[in-house]
N, C-alpha and C. Protein backbone atom coordinates (compact mmCIF):
# COMPACT_ATOMS: atom_id res chain seq x y z
N UNK A 1 -0.27 8.04 -50.92
CA UNK A 1 0.37 7.50 -49.74
C UNK A 1 -0.41 7.91 -48.51
N UNK A 2 -0.53 6.99 -47.62
CA UNK A 2 -1.25 7.20 -46.37
C UNK A 2 -0.26 7.36 -45.23
N UNK A 3 0.34 8.50 -45.13
CA UNK A 3 1.35 8.70 -44.09
C UNK A 3 0.73 8.89 -42.71
N UNK A 4 -0.48 9.45 -42.63
CA UNK A 4 -1.11 9.65 -41.33
C UNK A 4 -1.51 8.32 -40.70
N UNK A 5 -2.00 7.37 -41.50
CA UNK A 5 -2.36 6.06 -40.94
C UNK A 5 -1.10 5.26 -40.58
N UNK A 6 -0.04 5.43 -41.39
CA UNK A 6 1.24 4.77 -41.06
C UNK A 6 1.80 5.32 -39.77
N UNK A 7 1.66 6.63 -39.60
CA UNK A 7 2.15 7.28 -38.39
C UNK A 7 1.37 6.79 -37.17
N UNK A 8 0.05 6.62 -37.29
CA UNK A 8 -0.79 6.14 -36.19
C UNK A 8 -0.43 4.71 -35.83
N UNK A 9 -0.21 3.88 -36.84
CA UNK A 9 0.15 2.48 -36.59
C UNK A 9 1.51 2.40 -35.89
N UNK A 10 2.44 3.20 -36.34
CA UNK A 10 3.77 3.14 -35.71
C UNK A 10 3.72 3.70 -34.28
N UNK A 11 2.89 4.72 -34.01
CA UNK A 11 2.74 5.23 -32.65
C UNK A 11 2.13 4.18 -31.74
N UNK A 12 1.10 3.50 -32.25
CA UNK A 12 0.46 2.45 -31.45
C UNK A 12 1.42 1.30 -31.19
N UNK A 13 2.19 0.95 -32.21
CA UNK A 13 3.18 -0.12 -32.04
C UNK A 13 4.25 0.30 -31.03
N UNK A 14 4.65 1.56 -31.04
CA UNK A 14 5.65 2.04 -30.09
C UNK A 14 5.11 1.96 -28.66
N UNK A 15 3.83 2.28 -28.48
CA UNK A 15 3.24 2.21 -27.14
C UNK A 15 3.18 0.77 -26.66
N UNK A 16 2.81 -0.15 -27.54
CA UNK A 16 2.75 -1.56 -27.15
C UNK A 16 4.16 -2.13 -26.92
N UNK A 17 5.13 -1.64 -27.67
CA UNK A 17 6.52 -2.06 -27.43
C UNK A 17 6.98 -1.57 -26.06
N UNK A 18 6.58 -0.36 -25.71
CA UNK A 18 6.93 0.16 -24.39
C UNK A 18 6.24 -0.67 -23.30
N UNK A 19 4.99 -1.05 -23.53
CA UNK A 19 4.28 -1.90 -22.57
C UNK A 19 5.00 -3.24 -22.43
N UNK A 20 5.46 -3.79 -23.54
CA UNK A 20 6.22 -5.06 -23.50
C UNK A 20 7.48 -4.91 -22.67
N UNK A 21 8.22 -3.83 -22.92
CA UNK A 21 9.47 -3.60 -22.18
C UNK A 21 9.22 -3.42 -20.69
N UNK A 22 8.19 -2.70 -20.33
CA UNK A 22 7.87 -2.47 -18.92
C UNK A 22 7.43 -3.77 -18.25
N UNK A 23 6.65 -4.59 -18.97
CA UNK A 23 6.25 -5.90 -18.42
C UNK A 23 7.47 -6.79 -18.19
N UNK A 24 8.37 -6.79 -19.18
CA UNK A 24 9.58 -7.60 -19.04
C UNK A 24 10.41 -7.14 -17.84
N UNK A 25 10.52 -5.83 -17.65
CA UNK A 25 11.26 -5.30 -16.50
C UNK A 25 10.57 -5.70 -15.19
N UNK A 26 9.25 -5.63 -15.16
CA UNK A 26 8.50 -6.03 -13.97
C UNK A 26 8.77 -7.49 -13.63
N UNK A 27 8.72 -8.36 -14.63
CA UNK A 27 8.95 -9.79 -14.40
C UNK A 27 10.40 -10.07 -14.06
N UNK A 28 11.32 -9.29 -14.60
CA UNK A 28 12.74 -9.47 -14.25
C UNK A 28 13.01 -9.14 -12.79
N UNK A 29 12.16 -8.32 -12.19
CA UNK A 29 12.37 -7.97 -10.78
C UNK A 29 12.18 -9.17 -9.85
N UNK A 30 11.58 -10.24 -10.34
CA UNK A 30 11.40 -11.43 -9.52
C UNK A 30 12.55 -12.41 -9.63
N UNK A 31 13.57 -12.05 -10.38
CA UNK A 31 14.82 -12.82 -10.50
C UNK A 31 14.58 -14.26 -10.93
N UNK A 32 13.75 -14.43 -11.93
CA UNK A 32 13.57 -15.76 -12.51
C UNK A 32 14.83 -16.08 -13.30
N UNK A 33 15.22 -17.32 -13.31
CA UNK A 33 16.45 -17.69 -13.99
C UNK A 33 16.32 -17.89 -15.48
N UNK A 34 15.11 -18.06 -15.99
CA UNK A 34 14.89 -18.43 -17.38
C UNK A 34 14.35 -17.23 -18.17
N UNK A 35 15.17 -16.72 -19.09
CA UNK A 35 14.75 -15.58 -19.90
C UNK A 35 13.61 -15.96 -20.85
N UNK A 36 13.61 -17.19 -21.31
CA UNK A 36 12.52 -17.63 -22.19
C UNK A 36 11.19 -17.63 -21.44
N UNK A 37 11.20 -18.04 -20.18
CA UNK A 37 9.97 -18.02 -19.38
C UNK A 37 9.49 -16.59 -19.16
N UNK A 38 10.43 -15.69 -18.93
CA UNK A 38 10.06 -14.28 -18.78
C UNK A 38 9.42 -13.77 -20.06
N UNK A 39 9.98 -14.16 -21.21
CA UNK A 39 9.40 -13.75 -22.49
C UNK A 39 8.01 -14.33 -22.68
N UNK A 40 7.83 -15.61 -22.32
CA UNK A 40 6.50 -16.24 -22.46
C UNK A 40 5.47 -15.53 -21.56
N UNK A 41 5.85 -15.28 -20.31
CA UNK A 41 4.93 -14.59 -19.40
C UNK A 41 4.63 -13.16 -19.88
N UNK A 42 5.65 -12.49 -20.40
CA UNK A 42 5.46 -11.14 -20.91
C UNK A 42 4.45 -11.13 -22.05
N UNK A 43 4.62 -12.06 -22.99
CA UNK A 43 3.70 -12.12 -24.14
C UNK A 43 2.29 -12.52 -23.71
N UNK A 44 2.20 -13.43 -22.74
CA UNK A 44 0.88 -13.83 -22.25
C UNK A 44 0.16 -12.65 -21.61
N UNK A 45 0.86 -11.92 -20.73
CA UNK A 45 0.26 -10.76 -20.08
C UNK A 45 -0.04 -9.65 -21.08
N UNK A 46 0.82 -9.50 -22.07
CA UNK A 46 0.59 -8.48 -23.09
C UNK A 46 -0.64 -8.81 -23.93
N UNK A 47 -0.83 -10.09 -24.25
CA UNK A 47 -2.04 -10.50 -24.99
C UNK A 47 -3.30 -10.23 -24.19
N UNK A 48 -3.24 -10.49 -22.89
CA UNK A 48 -4.40 -10.21 -22.03
C UNK A 48 -4.68 -8.71 -21.98
N UNK A 49 -3.64 -7.90 -21.94
CA UNK A 49 -3.81 -6.45 -21.92
C UNK A 49 -4.37 -5.96 -23.25
N UNK A 50 -3.92 -6.55 -24.36
CA UNK A 50 -4.46 -6.17 -25.67
C UNK A 50 -5.95 -6.50 -25.77
N UNK A 51 -6.34 -7.63 -25.22
CA UNK A 51 -7.75 -8.01 -25.24
C UNK A 51 -8.59 -7.02 -24.43
N UNK A 52 -8.09 -6.63 -23.27
CA UNK A 52 -8.80 -5.63 -22.47
C UNK A 52 -8.82 -4.28 -23.18
N UNK A 53 -7.74 -3.96 -23.89
CA UNK A 53 -7.67 -2.69 -24.61
C UNK A 53 -8.68 -2.67 -25.77
N UNK A 54 -8.90 -3.81 -26.39
CA UNK A 54 -9.90 -3.88 -27.46
C UNK A 54 -11.30 -3.60 -26.91
N UNK A 55 -11.54 -4.05 -25.68
CA UNK A 55 -12.85 -3.83 -25.07
C UNK A 55 -13.01 -2.38 -24.61
N UNK A 56 -11.94 -1.75 -24.17
CA UNK A 56 -11.99 -0.36 -23.74
C UNK A 56 -10.76 0.37 -24.25
N UNK A 57 -10.81 0.95 -25.45
CA UNK A 57 -9.64 1.60 -26.06
C UNK A 57 -9.19 2.89 -25.35
N UNK A 58 -9.95 3.36 -24.39
CA UNK A 58 -9.54 4.58 -23.68
C UNK A 58 -8.41 4.32 -22.69
N UNK A 59 -8.20 3.06 -22.32
CA UNK A 59 -7.15 2.72 -21.36
C UNK A 59 -5.78 2.76 -22.02
N UNK A 60 -4.80 3.29 -21.31
CA UNK A 60 -3.43 3.36 -21.82
C UNK A 60 -2.81 1.97 -21.79
N UNK A 61 -2.20 1.53 -22.89
CA UNK A 61 -1.64 0.17 -22.95
C UNK A 61 -0.60 -0.13 -21.87
N UNK A 62 0.29 0.80 -21.59
CA UNK A 62 1.34 0.53 -20.59
C UNK A 62 0.72 0.36 -19.21
N UNK A 63 -0.15 1.27 -18.83
CA UNK A 63 -0.81 1.18 -17.52
C UNK A 63 -1.66 -0.07 -17.42
N UNK A 64 -2.35 -0.38 -18.50
CA UNK A 64 -3.22 -1.56 -18.52
C UNK A 64 -2.40 -2.85 -18.36
N UNK A 65 -1.30 -2.94 -19.09
CA UNK A 65 -0.47 -4.14 -19.03
C UNK A 65 0.15 -4.32 -17.65
N UNK A 66 0.67 -3.23 -17.08
CA UNK A 66 1.28 -3.33 -15.75
C UNK A 66 0.25 -3.61 -14.67
N UNK A 67 -0.93 -3.03 -14.79
CA UNK A 67 -1.99 -3.30 -13.82
C UNK A 67 -2.40 -4.76 -13.89
N UNK A 68 -2.50 -5.30 -15.09
CA UNK A 68 -2.85 -6.72 -15.28
C UNK A 68 -1.77 -7.61 -14.65
N UNK A 69 -0.51 -7.29 -14.89
CA UNK A 69 0.59 -8.09 -14.33
C UNK A 69 0.61 -8.01 -12.82
N UNK A 70 0.42 -6.83 -12.29
CA UNK A 70 0.43 -6.66 -10.83
C UNK A 70 -0.74 -7.39 -10.19
N UNK A 71 -1.90 -7.31 -10.81
CA UNK A 71 -3.08 -7.99 -10.27
C UNK A 71 -2.89 -9.50 -10.25
N UNK A 72 -2.38 -10.06 -11.35
CA UNK A 72 -2.15 -11.51 -11.39
C UNK A 72 -1.08 -11.94 -10.41
N UNK A 73 -0.05 -11.13 -10.25
CA UNK A 73 1.02 -11.45 -9.30
C UNK A 73 0.49 -11.42 -7.87
N UNK A 74 -0.30 -10.40 -7.54
CA UNK A 74 -0.89 -10.31 -6.21
C UNK A 74 -1.79 -11.51 -5.93
N UNK A 75 -2.63 -11.87 -6.89
CA UNK A 75 -3.51 -13.03 -6.72
C UNK A 75 -2.70 -14.31 -6.55
N UNK A 76 -1.62 -14.42 -7.30
CA UNK A 76 -0.78 -15.61 -7.21
C UNK A 76 -0.09 -15.69 -5.84
N UNK A 77 0.44 -14.57 -5.37
CA UNK A 77 1.05 -14.55 -4.04
C UNK A 77 0.02 -14.89 -2.98
N UNK A 78 -1.16 -14.31 -3.07
CA UNK A 78 -2.19 -14.54 -2.06
C UNK A 78 -2.63 -16.00 -2.03
N UNK A 79 -2.74 -16.64 -3.18
CA UNK A 79 -3.23 -18.02 -3.21
C UNK A 79 -2.13 -19.04 -2.91
N UNK A 80 -0.92 -18.78 -3.36
CA UNK A 80 0.14 -19.79 -3.21
C UNK A 80 1.03 -19.60 -1.99
N UNK A 81 1.27 -18.37 -1.60
CA UNK A 81 2.21 -18.15 -0.51
C UNK A 81 1.53 -17.93 0.83
N UNK A 82 0.22 -17.82 0.81
CA UNK A 82 -0.56 -17.67 2.04
C UNK A 82 -0.04 -16.53 2.91
N UNK A 83 0.19 -15.41 2.28
CA UNK A 83 0.62 -14.21 2.99
C UNK A 83 -0.64 -13.45 3.35
N UNK A 84 -0.83 -13.21 4.63
CA UNK A 84 -2.02 -12.49 5.09
C UNK A 84 -1.70 -11.01 5.21
N UNK A 85 -2.05 -10.28 4.18
CA UNK A 85 -1.83 -8.84 4.19
C UNK A 85 -2.99 -8.17 3.46
N UNK A 86 -3.61 -7.20 4.10
CA UNK A 86 -4.72 -6.52 3.43
C UNK A 86 -4.28 -5.56 2.33
N UNK A 87 -3.04 -5.11 2.40
CA UNK A 87 -2.56 -4.14 1.42
C UNK A 87 -1.81 -4.83 0.29
N UNK A 88 -2.15 -4.51 -0.96
CA UNK A 88 -1.44 -5.13 -2.09
C UNK A 88 0.06 -4.84 -2.10
N UNK A 89 0.45 -3.65 -1.67
CA UNK A 89 1.87 -3.32 -1.67
C UNK A 89 2.65 -4.20 -0.69
N UNK A 90 2.06 -4.49 0.48
CA UNK A 90 2.71 -5.38 1.44
C UNK A 90 2.76 -6.80 0.90
N UNK A 91 1.70 -7.21 0.23
CA UNK A 91 1.65 -8.55 -0.36
C UNK A 91 2.74 -8.71 -1.42
N UNK A 92 2.88 -7.72 -2.29
CA UNK A 92 3.91 -7.77 -3.33
C UNK A 92 5.31 -7.74 -2.71
N UNK A 93 5.51 -6.89 -1.72
CA UNK A 93 6.83 -6.78 -1.10
C UNK A 93 7.21 -8.07 -0.38
N UNK A 94 6.28 -8.62 0.39
CA UNK A 94 6.57 -9.87 1.12
C UNK A 94 6.78 -11.02 0.15
N UNK A 95 5.96 -11.09 -0.88
CA UNK A 95 6.10 -12.17 -1.86
C UNK A 95 7.40 -12.07 -2.62
N UNK A 96 7.75 -10.87 -3.06
CA UNK A 96 9.00 -10.69 -3.79
C UNK A 96 10.19 -11.02 -2.90
N UNK A 97 10.13 -10.61 -1.65
CA UNK A 97 11.21 -10.92 -0.71
C UNK A 97 11.34 -12.44 -0.52
N UNK A 98 10.21 -13.11 -0.37
CA UNK A 98 10.24 -14.56 -0.21
C UNK A 98 10.84 -15.25 -1.43
N UNK A 99 10.48 -14.78 -2.61
CA UNK A 99 11.02 -15.38 -3.83
C UNK A 99 12.52 -15.17 -3.95
N UNK A 100 12.96 -13.94 -3.68
CA UNK A 100 14.38 -13.64 -3.80
C UNK A 100 15.21 -14.38 -2.78
N UNK A 101 14.72 -14.47 -1.55
CA UNK A 101 15.49 -15.16 -0.50
C UNK A 101 15.52 -16.66 -0.69
N UNK A 102 14.44 -17.21 -1.20
CA UNK A 102 14.40 -18.67 -1.37
C UNK A 102 15.20 -19.15 -2.56
N UNK A 103 15.37 -18.27 -3.56
CA UNK A 103 16.06 -18.62 -4.81
C UNK A 103 15.40 -19.83 -5.48
N UNK A 104 14.16 -20.12 -5.12
CA UNK A 104 13.47 -21.29 -5.65
C UNK A 104 13.18 -21.16 -7.13
N UNK A 105 12.95 -19.97 -7.60
CA UNK A 105 12.58 -19.81 -9.00
C UNK A 105 13.78 -19.73 -9.92
N UNK A 106 14.96 -19.86 -9.36
CA UNK A 106 16.15 -20.03 -10.20
C UNK A 106 16.16 -21.46 -10.75
N UNK A 107 15.63 -22.41 -9.98
CA UNK A 107 15.62 -23.81 -10.40
C UNK A 107 14.32 -24.21 -11.08
N UNK A 108 13.23 -23.50 -10.77
CA UNK A 108 11.93 -23.85 -11.35
C UNK A 108 11.17 -22.60 -11.80
N UNK A 109 11.71 -21.84 -12.77
CA UNK A 109 11.05 -20.60 -13.18
C UNK A 109 9.72 -20.83 -13.88
N UNK A 110 9.51 -22.03 -14.41
CA UNK A 110 8.27 -22.30 -15.13
C UNK A 110 7.05 -22.36 -14.22
N UNK A 111 7.27 -22.40 -12.91
CA UNK A 111 6.14 -22.47 -11.97
C UNK A 111 5.66 -21.10 -11.52
N UNK A 112 6.38 -20.05 -11.90
CA UNK A 112 5.97 -18.70 -11.52
C UNK A 112 4.68 -18.33 -12.23
N UNK A 113 3.72 -17.83 -11.49
CA UNK A 113 2.38 -17.45 -11.94
C UNK A 113 1.57 -18.63 -12.46
N UNK A 114 1.90 -19.83 -12.01
CA UNK A 114 1.08 -21.00 -12.32
C UNK A 114 0.47 -21.52 -11.02
N UNK A 115 -0.67 -22.14 -11.13
CA UNK A 115 -1.34 -22.68 -9.94
C UNK A 115 -1.66 -24.13 -10.19
N UNK A 116 -1.63 -24.97 -9.23
CA UNK A 116 -1.07 -24.76 -7.90
C UNK A 116 0.44 -24.92 -7.90
N UNK A 117 1.06 -24.33 -6.93
CA UNK A 117 2.50 -24.40 -6.78
C UNK A 117 2.87 -25.75 -6.15
N UNK A 118 3.92 -26.43 -6.64
CA UNK A 118 4.32 -27.70 -6.02
C UNK A 118 4.64 -27.51 -4.54
N UNK A 119 4.28 -28.49 -3.71
CA UNK A 119 4.43 -28.39 -2.26
C UNK A 119 5.89 -28.15 -1.84
N UNK A 120 6.82 -28.83 -2.50
CA UNK A 120 8.23 -28.67 -2.14
C UNK A 120 8.68 -27.22 -2.37
N UNK A 121 8.26 -26.65 -3.46
CA UNK A 121 8.61 -25.27 -3.78
C UNK A 121 7.91 -24.31 -2.83
N UNK A 122 6.66 -24.57 -2.53
CA UNK A 122 5.90 -23.73 -1.61
C UNK A 122 6.55 -23.73 -0.23
N UNK A 123 7.01 -24.90 0.19
CA UNK A 123 7.65 -25.03 1.51
C UNK A 123 8.98 -24.28 1.56
N UNK A 124 9.76 -24.35 0.49
CA UNK A 124 11.05 -23.64 0.49
C UNK A 124 10.86 -22.14 0.50
N UNK A 125 9.80 -21.67 -0.13
CA UNK A 125 9.52 -20.23 -0.13
C UNK A 125 9.05 -19.78 1.25
N UNK A 126 8.21 -20.60 1.89
CA UNK A 126 7.72 -20.25 3.22
C UNK A 126 8.86 -20.20 4.24
N UNK A 127 9.85 -21.06 4.08
CA UNK A 127 10.98 -21.05 5.01
C UNK A 127 11.80 -19.78 4.87
N UNK A 128 11.83 -19.23 3.68
CA UNK A 128 12.63 -18.02 3.45
C UNK A 128 11.90 -16.75 3.85
N UNK A 129 10.58 -16.84 3.99
CA UNK A 129 9.81 -15.64 4.30
C UNK A 129 10.13 -15.19 5.72
N UNK A 130 10.57 -13.95 5.84
CA UNK A 130 10.97 -13.42 7.13
C UNK A 130 9.77 -12.81 7.84
N UNK A 131 9.69 -13.11 9.12
CA UNK A 131 8.72 -12.43 9.97
C UNK A 131 9.54 -11.65 10.97
N UNK A 132 9.54 -10.35 10.82
CA UNK A 132 10.44 -9.52 11.61
C UNK A 132 9.85 -9.06 12.92
N UNK A 133 8.57 -9.20 13.10
CA UNK A 133 7.96 -8.75 14.35
C UNK A 133 6.56 -8.25 14.10
N UNK A 134 5.98 -7.66 15.09
CA UNK A 134 4.60 -7.18 14.92
C UNK A 134 4.55 -6.03 13.92
N UNK A 135 3.37 -5.82 13.38
CA UNK A 135 3.18 -4.72 12.45
C UNK A 135 3.38 -3.40 13.17
N UNK A 136 3.83 -2.42 12.44
CA UNK A 136 4.07 -1.10 12.98
C UNK A 136 2.73 -0.45 13.30
N UNK A 137 2.60 0.02 14.51
CA UNK A 137 1.40 0.71 14.94
C UNK A 137 1.74 2.18 15.13
N UNK A 138 1.01 3.03 14.47
CA UNK A 138 1.24 4.46 14.61
C UNK A 138 0.61 4.92 15.93
N UNK A 139 1.39 5.62 16.73
CA UNK A 139 0.88 6.11 18.01
C UNK A 139 1.36 7.55 18.20
N UNK A 140 0.82 8.17 19.20
CA UNK A 140 1.19 9.55 19.49
C UNK A 140 2.20 9.57 20.62
N UNK A 141 3.25 10.33 20.42
CA UNK A 141 4.26 10.49 21.47
C UNK A 141 4.26 11.94 21.91
N UNK A 142 3.97 12.16 23.16
CA UNK A 142 3.93 13.51 23.70
C UNK A 142 5.33 13.91 24.15
N UNK A 143 5.80 15.07 23.72
CA UNK A 143 7.15 15.47 24.14
C UNK A 143 7.19 15.78 25.63
N UNK A 144 8.27 15.35 26.25
CA UNK A 144 8.47 15.62 27.68
C UNK A 144 9.81 16.30 27.85
N UNK A 145 9.91 17.05 28.94
CA UNK A 145 11.18 17.71 29.26
C UNK A 145 12.17 16.66 29.73
N UNK A 146 13.42 16.82 29.35
CA UNK A 146 14.46 15.88 29.75
C UNK A 146 15.05 16.35 31.07
N UNK A 147 15.16 15.44 32.02
CA UNK A 147 15.73 15.76 33.32
C UNK A 147 17.21 15.42 33.29
N UNK A 148 18.05 16.46 33.32
CA UNK A 148 19.49 16.25 33.29
C UNK A 148 20.08 16.05 34.68
N UNK A 149 19.31 16.24 35.72
CA UNK A 149 19.77 16.03 37.08
C UNK A 149 20.78 17.09 37.50
N UNK A 150 21.78 16.68 38.29
CA UNK A 150 22.74 17.66 38.81
C UNK A 150 23.64 18.26 37.73
N UNK A 151 23.75 17.64 36.55
CA UNK A 151 24.58 18.19 35.48
C UNK A 151 24.04 19.54 35.01
N UNK A 152 22.72 19.68 35.00
CA UNK A 152 22.12 20.94 34.56
C UNK A 152 22.51 22.07 35.51
N UNK A 153 22.44 21.81 36.81
CA UNK A 153 22.80 22.85 37.78
C UNK A 153 24.27 23.22 37.66
N UNK A 154 25.13 22.21 37.49
CA UNK A 154 26.56 22.46 37.34
C UNK A 154 26.83 23.27 36.08
N UNK A 155 26.19 22.93 34.99
CA UNK A 155 26.40 23.66 33.74
C UNK A 155 25.90 25.09 33.84
N UNK A 156 24.78 25.28 34.48
CA UNK A 156 24.24 26.64 34.60
C UNK A 156 25.16 27.53 35.44
N UNK A 157 25.71 26.99 36.52
CA UNK A 157 26.56 27.83 37.38
C UNK A 157 27.94 28.04 36.77
N UNK A 158 28.41 27.10 35.96
CA UNK A 158 29.75 27.20 35.42
C UNK A 158 29.81 28.02 34.15
N UNK A 159 28.94 27.80 33.23
CA UNK A 159 29.05 28.41 31.90
C UNK A 159 28.61 29.87 31.88
N UNK A 160 27.87 30.31 32.86
CA UNK A 160 27.42 31.68 32.85
C UNK A 160 28.44 32.63 33.49
N UNK A 161 29.39 32.06 34.20
CA UNK A 161 30.44 32.88 34.80
C UNK A 161 31.68 32.75 33.93
N UNK A 162 32.26 33.88 33.59
CA UNK A 162 33.48 33.86 32.81
C UNK A 162 34.54 34.64 33.56
N UNK A 163 35.60 33.93 33.91
CA UNK A 163 36.68 34.54 34.67
C UNK A 163 37.94 34.50 33.80
N UNK A 164 38.48 35.67 33.42
CA UNK A 164 39.64 35.68 32.52
C UNK A 164 40.87 35.01 33.14
N UNK A 165 41.02 35.11 34.45
CA UNK A 165 42.18 34.50 35.09
C UNK A 165 42.16 32.97 34.95
N UNK A 166 40.98 32.36 35.09
CA UNK A 166 40.86 30.90 34.95
C UNK A 166 41.12 30.47 33.51
N UNK A 167 40.67 31.25 32.55
CA UNK A 167 40.88 30.92 31.14
C UNK A 167 42.36 31.00 30.81
N UNK A 168 43.05 32.06 31.28
CA UNK A 168 44.48 32.20 31.01
C UNK A 168 45.27 31.09 31.67
N UNK A 169 44.89 30.71 32.90
CA UNK A 169 45.56 29.61 33.60
C UNK A 169 45.40 28.30 32.83
N UNK A 170 44.19 28.04 32.34
CA UNK A 170 43.95 26.82 31.58
C UNK A 170 44.75 26.81 30.28
N UNK A 171 44.80 27.95 29.59
CA UNK A 171 45.58 28.04 28.35
C UNK A 171 47.06 27.81 28.59
N UNK A 172 47.59 28.41 29.67
CA UNK A 172 49.01 28.22 29.99
C UNK A 172 49.30 26.77 30.36
N UNK A 173 48.39 26.13 31.10
CA UNK A 173 48.57 24.72 31.46
C UNK A 173 48.65 23.85 30.21
N UNK A 174 47.68 24.02 29.29
CA UNK A 174 47.66 23.17 28.10
C UNK A 174 48.80 23.50 27.14
N UNK A 175 49.23 24.74 27.11
CA UNK A 175 50.40 25.08 26.31
C UNK A 175 51.64 24.40 26.88
N UNK A 176 51.77 24.38 28.21
CA UNK A 176 52.89 23.69 28.84
C UNK A 176 52.86 22.20 28.54
N UNK A 177 51.69 21.59 28.61
CA UNK A 177 51.58 20.17 28.30
C UNK A 177 51.99 19.92 26.85
N UNK A 178 51.55 20.79 25.95
CA UNK A 178 51.89 20.64 24.53
C UNK A 178 53.39 20.70 24.33
N UNK A 179 54.07 21.69 24.92
CA UNK A 179 55.52 21.84 24.73
C UNK A 179 56.30 20.70 25.36
N UNK A 180 55.83 20.17 26.51
CA UNK A 180 56.52 19.03 27.12
C UNK A 180 56.42 17.82 26.19
N UNK A 181 55.25 17.55 25.69
CA UNK A 181 55.10 16.41 24.77
C UNK A 181 55.84 16.65 23.46
N UNK A 182 55.85 17.86 22.98
CA UNK A 182 56.57 18.17 21.74
C UNK A 182 58.07 17.90 21.90
N UNK A 183 58.64 18.40 22.98
CA UNK A 183 60.08 18.17 23.21
C UNK A 183 60.37 16.71 23.47
N UNK A 184 59.48 16.07 24.19
CA UNK A 184 59.71 14.65 24.51
C UNK A 184 59.63 13.80 23.25
N UNK A 185 58.65 14.05 22.39
CA UNK A 185 58.51 13.26 21.17
C UNK A 185 59.55 13.62 20.12
N UNK A 186 60.04 14.83 20.13
CA UNK A 186 61.05 15.21 19.13
C UNK A 186 62.46 14.80 19.58
N UNK A 187 62.60 14.34 20.79
CA UNK A 187 63.89 13.85 21.29
C UNK A 187 64.80 14.95 21.81
N UNK A 188 64.27 16.14 22.06
CA UNK A 188 65.07 17.25 22.55
C UNK A 188 65.41 17.10 24.02
N UNK A 189 64.61 16.36 24.77
CA UNK A 189 64.88 16.20 26.20
C UNK A 189 65.84 15.10 26.50
């Protein structure tokens, strides 16, 4: 019996099954309505990853499959959605947002990752793409002292002096107010 070769085959199969599951989860994040299309795309991307793995067996199957899927998705967003972003993460985020907001791929999931995209579908996705404003620019903010105006002078002169007579007078006043309201609300008056 060849248990070591069986063990190696089952380990390799487990890794490719994990790659399949991760690819399916990645494609599910785009909210396509057709599970069969997700399965077809998953198997297509998995076959491409297996081919690359045959050429370079040192690459991890899960990383290879996800990198292949991400690369094809980025290229598809860049060519079909005309999103101008130098960073792949911004391209994926904007593209995914456009797809989710447009809900276009609920009605036509077979067009995902295909080229060219039908004009009607492309237009509906572009209408959903949000442009929130200019890109965030990192700048330096120098801390400045806050000018409180006359409130600072009033607070400095008031809070540093403590007069027991004023405190007792204030406590007696508020206690009197409390008892008047208590009797009035309880109906004793």
